[in-house]
């Protein structure tokens, strides 16, 4: 998650950054809460011979964490591309 709140200039150019920032914070909070509820999901040795014993809700929590990590990565890529395009427009400005 990006700790930087979008600037006013960024929000004027792309207001969607506001809700994407809020979504990133919500995803991070959800991941922390699920890992607190299911600490076995943080174990280092997931490739061991003994299978991970989880309840049905534990497996769903694992899926939510995995999917939220993917969504967080997509949001970060969106922000980077937005900033790259904004910088390109600024460098082409005649002023």
N, C-alpha and C. Protein backbone atom coordinates (compact mmCIF):
# COMPACT_ATOMS: atom_id res chain seq x y z
N UNK A 1 0.84 -1.18 0.00
CA UNK A 1 0.00 0.00 0.00
C UNK A 1 0.88 1.24 0.00
N UNK A 2 0.44 2.21 -0.74
CA UNK A 2 1.16 3.48 -0.77
C UNK A 2 0.76 4.29 0.46
N UNK A 3 1.75 4.78 1.18
CA UNK A 3 1.46 5.62 2.34
C UNK A 3 1.17 7.05 1.95
N UNK A 4 1.43 7.40 0.69
CA UNK A 4 1.24 8.76 0.24
C UNK A 4 -0.19 9.00 -0.21
N UNK A 5 -0.86 9.91 0.47
CA UNK A 5 -2.19 10.31 0.06
C UNK A 5 -2.06 11.07 -1.25
N UNK A 6 -2.95 10.82 -2.21
CA UNK A 6 -2.86 11.55 -3.47
C UNK A 6 -2.92 13.07 -3.23
N UNK A 7 -2.13 13.80 -4.00
CA UNK A 7 -2.10 15.25 -3.86
C UNK A 7 -3.33 15.85 -4.53
N UNK A 8 -3.57 17.12 -4.24
CA UNK A 8 -4.69 17.83 -4.86
C UNK A 8 -4.54 17.83 -6.38
N UNK A 9 -3.34 18.09 -6.87
CA UNK A 9 -3.11 18.08 -8.31
C UNK A 9 -3.41 16.71 -8.92
N UNK A 10 -2.99 15.66 -8.23
CA UNK A 10 -3.26 14.31 -8.73
C UNK A 10 -4.76 14.03 -8.76
N UNK A 11 -5.47 14.48 -7.70
CA UNK A 11 -6.91 14.23 -7.64
C UNK A 11 -7.68 15.05 -8.68
N UNK A 12 -7.18 16.23 -8.99
CA UNK A 12 -7.81 17.01 -10.06
C UNK A 12 -7.68 16.30 -11.40
N UNK A 13 -6.53 15.70 -11.62
CA UNK A 13 -6.28 15.00 -12.88
C UNK A 13 -6.94 13.62 -12.91
N UNK A 14 -7.03 12.96 -11.76
CA UNK A 14 -7.57 11.60 -11.69
C UNK A 14 -8.28 11.39 -10.35
N UNK A 15 -9.53 11.81 -10.24
CA UNK A 15 -10.25 11.70 -8.96
C UNK A 15 -10.39 10.27 -8.45
N UNK A 16 -10.26 9.28 -9.33
CA UNK A 16 -10.38 7.89 -8.90
C UNK A 16 -9.27 7.49 -7.94
N UNK A 17 -8.17 8.27 -7.92
CA UNK A 17 -7.08 7.95 -6.99
C UNK A 17 -7.53 8.03 -5.54
N UNK A 18 -8.53 8.85 -5.23
CA UNK A 18 -9.02 8.96 -3.85
C UNK A 18 -9.58 7.64 -3.36
N UNK A 19 -10.49 7.06 -4.13
CA UNK A 19 -11.10 5.80 -3.69
C UNK A 19 -10.13 4.64 -3.78
N UNK A 20 -9.22 4.69 -4.75
CA UNK A 20 -8.21 3.64 -4.83
C UNK A 20 -7.30 3.67 -3.60
N UNK A 21 -6.98 4.87 -3.11
CA UNK A 21 -6.17 4.99 -1.90
C UNK A 21 -6.94 4.40 -0.70
N UNK A 22 -8.23 4.73 -0.60
CA UNK A 22 -9.05 4.19 0.49
C UNK A 22 -9.16 2.67 0.38
N UNK A 23 -9.29 2.16 -0.83
CA UNK A 23 -9.36 0.72 -1.04
C UNK A 23 -8.07 0.04 -0.62
N UNK A 24 -6.93 0.64 -0.96
CA UNK A 24 -5.63 0.08 -0.54
C UNK A 24 -5.56 -0.03 0.98
N UNK A 25 -6.01 1.02 1.67
CA UNK A 25 -5.97 1.00 3.14
C UNK A 25 -6.90 -0.08 3.69
N UNK A 26 -8.07 -0.22 3.09
CA UNK A 26 -9.01 -1.25 3.53
C UNK A 26 -8.46 -2.66 3.29
N UNK A 27 -7.83 -2.86 2.15
CA UNK A 27 -7.24 -4.17 1.85
C UNK A 27 -6.13 -4.50 2.85
N UNK A 28 -5.30 -3.53 3.17
CA UNK A 28 -4.22 -3.76 4.15
C UNK A 28 -4.80 -4.10 5.52
N UNK A 29 -5.84 -3.40 5.92
CA UNK A 29 -6.48 -3.67 7.22
C UNK A 29 -7.10 -5.07 7.22
N UNK A 30 -7.75 -5.44 6.12
CA UNK A 30 -8.37 -6.77 6.04
C UNK A 30 -7.31 -7.87 6.10
N UNK A 31 -6.19 -7.67 5.40
CA UNK A 31 -5.11 -8.67 5.43
C UNK A 31 -4.57 -8.83 6.85
N UNK A 32 -4.35 -7.73 7.54
CA UNK A 32 -3.84 -7.79 8.93
C UNK A 32 -4.83 -8.51 9.84
N UNK A 33 -6.11 -8.20 9.70
CA UNK A 33 -7.13 -8.82 10.55
C UNK A 33 -7.22 -10.33 10.28
N UNK A 34 -7.19 -10.70 9.01
CA UNK A 34 -7.27 -12.13 8.68
C UNK A 34 -6.03 -12.88 9.14
N UNK A 35 -4.86 -12.27 9.03
CA UNK A 35 -3.64 -12.93 9.51
C UNK A 35 -3.62 -13.03 11.03
N UNK A 36 -4.24 -12.07 11.70
CA UNK A 36 -4.35 -12.16 13.17
C UNK A 36 -5.30 -13.30 13.55
N UNK A 37 -6.37 -13.46 12.77
CA UNK A 37 -7.34 -14.52 13.06
C UNK A 37 -6.81 -15.90 12.68
N UNK A 38 -5.95 -15.96 11.68
CA UNK A 38 -5.40 -17.22 11.18
C UNK A 38 -3.88 -17.12 11.08
N UNK A 39 -3.18 -17.07 12.21
CA UNK A 39 -1.72 -16.89 12.19
C UNK A 39 -0.97 -18.02 11.47
N UNK A 40 -1.62 -19.16 11.35
CA UNK A 40 -0.96 -20.27 10.64
C UNK A 40 -0.74 -19.95 9.16
N UNK A 41 -1.45 -18.96 8.64
CA UNK A 41 -1.25 -18.56 7.25
C UNK A 41 0.07 -17.84 7.04
N UNK A 42 0.70 -17.39 8.10
CA UNK A 42 1.98 -16.70 8.00
C UNK A 42 3.18 -17.62 8.15
N UNK A 43 2.95 -18.90 8.37
CA UNK A 43 4.05 -19.83 8.58
C UNK A 43 4.97 -19.85 7.38
N UNK A 44 6.26 -19.90 7.65
CA UNK A 44 7.29 -19.87 6.61
C UNK A 44 7.31 -21.14 5.77
N UNK A 45 7.11 -22.28 6.38
CA UNK A 45 7.32 -23.56 5.70
C UNK A 45 6.01 -24.10 5.12
N UNK A 46 5.49 -23.43 4.10
CA UNK A 46 4.25 -23.89 3.49
C UNK A 46 4.48 -25.07 2.55
N UNK A 47 5.72 -25.39 2.25
CA UNK A 47 6.03 -26.51 1.36
C UNK A 47 6.45 -27.76 2.14
N UNK A 48 6.14 -27.81 3.40
CA UNK A 48 6.54 -28.96 4.20
C UNK A 48 5.70 -30.18 3.82
N UNK A 49 6.10 -31.34 4.34
CA UNK A 49 5.37 -32.58 4.05
C UNK A 49 4.03 -32.63 4.74
N UNK A 50 3.88 -31.91 5.85
CA UNK A 50 2.60 -31.93 6.56
C UNK A 50 1.67 -30.86 5.98
N UNK A 51 0.44 -31.26 5.67
CA UNK A 51 -0.47 -30.29 5.07
C UNK A 51 -0.92 -29.24 6.08
N UNK A 52 -1.24 -28.09 5.57
CA UNK A 52 -1.75 -27.00 6.40
C UNK A 52 -3.18 -27.35 6.79
N UNK A 53 -3.44 -27.39 8.08
CA UNK A 53 -4.78 -27.74 8.56
C UNK A 53 -5.55 -26.47 8.84
N UNK A 54 -6.52 -26.20 7.99
CA UNK A 54 -7.35 -25.02 8.13
C UNK A 54 -8.82 -25.41 8.09
N UNK A 55 -9.62 -24.61 8.73
CA UNK A 55 -11.07 -24.77 8.62
C UNK A 55 -11.51 -24.22 7.27
N UNK A 56 -12.77 -24.40 6.95
CA UNK A 56 -13.29 -23.83 5.71
C UNK A 56 -13.09 -22.33 5.66
N UNK A 57 -13.34 -21.66 6.78
CA UNK A 57 -13.17 -20.21 6.79
C UNK A 57 -11.68 -19.83 6.69
N UNK A 58 -10.80 -20.68 7.18
CA UNK A 58 -9.36 -20.43 7.06
C UNK A 58 -8.91 -20.47 5.61
N UNK A 59 -9.43 -21.43 4.85
CA UNK A 59 -9.08 -21.50 3.42
C UNK A 59 -9.64 -20.30 2.66
N UNK A 60 -10.83 -19.87 3.04
CA UNK A 60 -11.42 -18.69 2.39
C UNK A 60 -10.61 -17.45 2.76
N UNK A 61 -10.17 -17.36 4.02
CA UNK A 61 -9.31 -16.23 4.43
C UNK A 61 -8.03 -16.22 3.62
N UNK A 62 -7.46 -17.40 3.38
CA UNK A 62 -6.25 -17.49 2.56
C UNK A 62 -6.52 -16.98 1.14
N UNK A 63 -7.65 -17.35 0.58
CA UNK A 63 -8.00 -16.88 -0.77
C UNK A 63 -8.21 -15.37 -0.79
N UNK A 64 -8.85 -14.84 0.24
CA UNK A 64 -9.07 -13.38 0.31
C UNK A 64 -7.73 -12.66 0.38
N UNK A 65 -6.82 -13.16 1.19
CA UNK A 65 -5.49 -12.53 1.31
C UNK A 65 -4.76 -12.58 -0.03
N UNK A 66 -4.80 -13.73 -0.68
CA UNK A 66 -4.13 -13.87 -1.98
C UNK A 66 -4.72 -12.90 -3.00
N UNK A 67 -6.04 -12.85 -3.08
CA UNK A 67 -6.69 -11.97 -4.05
C UNK A 67 -6.49 -10.50 -3.72
N UNK A 68 -6.50 -10.16 -2.43
CA UNK A 68 -6.30 -8.76 -2.06
C UNK A 68 -4.87 -8.32 -2.36
N UNK A 69 -3.90 -9.23 -2.24
CA UNK A 69 -2.52 -8.90 -2.62
C UNK A 69 -2.44 -8.60 -4.11
N UNK A 70 -3.14 -9.38 -4.91
CA UNK A 70 -3.17 -9.14 -6.34
C UNK A 70 -3.82 -7.81 -6.68
N UNK A 71 -4.92 -7.49 -6.01
CA UNK A 71 -5.59 -6.22 -6.26
C UNK A 71 -4.72 -5.05 -5.82
N UNK A 72 -4.04 -5.19 -4.69
CA UNK A 72 -3.12 -4.14 -4.23
C UNK A 72 -2.01 -3.90 -5.25
N UNK A 73 -1.49 -4.98 -5.81
CA UNK A 73 -0.44 -4.85 -6.83
C UNK A 73 -0.98 -4.14 -8.07
N UNK A 74 -2.20 -4.45 -8.47
CA UNK A 74 -2.80 -3.78 -9.63
C UNK A 74 -3.02 -2.30 -9.37
N UNK A 75 -3.44 -1.96 -8.17
CA UNK A 75 -3.63 -0.54 -7.82
C UNK A 75 -2.29 0.19 -7.87
N UNK A 76 -1.24 -0.45 -7.35
CA UNK A 76 0.09 0.17 -7.38
C UNK A 76 0.55 0.38 -8.82
N UNK A 77 0.30 -0.61 -9.69
CA UNK A 77 0.66 -0.45 -11.10
C UNK A 77 -0.14 0.69 -11.74
N UNK A 78 -1.40 0.83 -11.40
CA UNK A 78 -2.24 1.91 -11.93
C UNK A 78 -1.67 3.26 -11.52
N UNK A 79 -1.32 3.38 -10.24
CA UNK A 79 -0.76 4.64 -9.75
C UNK A 79 0.56 4.98 -10.45
N UNK A 80 1.42 3.97 -10.64
CA UNK A 80 2.69 4.20 -11.33
C UNK A 80 2.46 4.64 -12.77
N UNK A 81 1.53 3.99 -13.46
CA UNK A 81 1.25 4.35 -14.85
C UNK A 81 0.63 5.74 -14.93
N UNK A 82 -0.26 6.06 -14.00
CA UNK A 82 -0.83 7.40 -13.97
C UNK A 82 0.27 8.44 -13.81
N UNK A 83 1.18 8.20 -12.89
CA UNK A 83 2.26 9.15 -12.63
C UNK A 83 3.20 9.25 -13.83
N UNK A 84 3.51 8.11 -14.47
CA UNK A 84 4.36 8.12 -15.65
C UNK A 84 3.72 8.96 -16.76
N UNK A 85 2.43 8.75 -17.00
CA UNK A 85 1.73 9.49 -18.05
C UNK A 85 1.64 10.98 -17.69
N UNK A 86 1.44 11.28 -16.42
CA UNK A 86 1.37 12.68 -15.99
C UNK A 86 2.71 13.38 -16.21
N UNK A 87 3.80 12.70 -15.86
CA UNK A 87 5.13 13.27 -16.06
C UNK A 87 5.42 13.47 -17.54
N UNK A 88 4.99 12.53 -18.37
CA UNK A 88 5.19 12.66 -19.82
C UNK A 88 4.44 13.88 -20.36
N UNK A 89 3.21 14.09 -19.89
CA UNK A 89 2.45 15.27 -20.32
C UNK A 89 3.11 16.55 -19.86
N UNK A 90 3.62 16.56 -18.65
CA UNK A 90 4.28 17.75 -18.12
C UNK A 90 5.55 18.07 -18.90
N UNK A 91 6.28 17.05 -19.29
CA UNK A 91 7.53 17.29 -20.04
C UNK A 91 7.26 17.79 -21.45
N UNK A 92 6.08 17.53 -21.98
CA UNK A 92 5.73 17.99 -23.31
C UNK A 92 5.05 19.37 -23.31
N UNK A 93 4.73 19.86 -22.12
CA UNK A 93 4.04 21.15 -22.02
C UNK A 93 4.97 22.27 -22.48
N UNK A 94 4.46 23.19 -23.29
CA UNK A 94 5.30 24.29 -23.78
C UNK A 94 5.56 25.36 -22.72
N UNK A 95 4.94 25.26 -21.57
CA UNK A 95 5.08 26.29 -20.53
C UNK A 95 5.99 25.87 -19.44
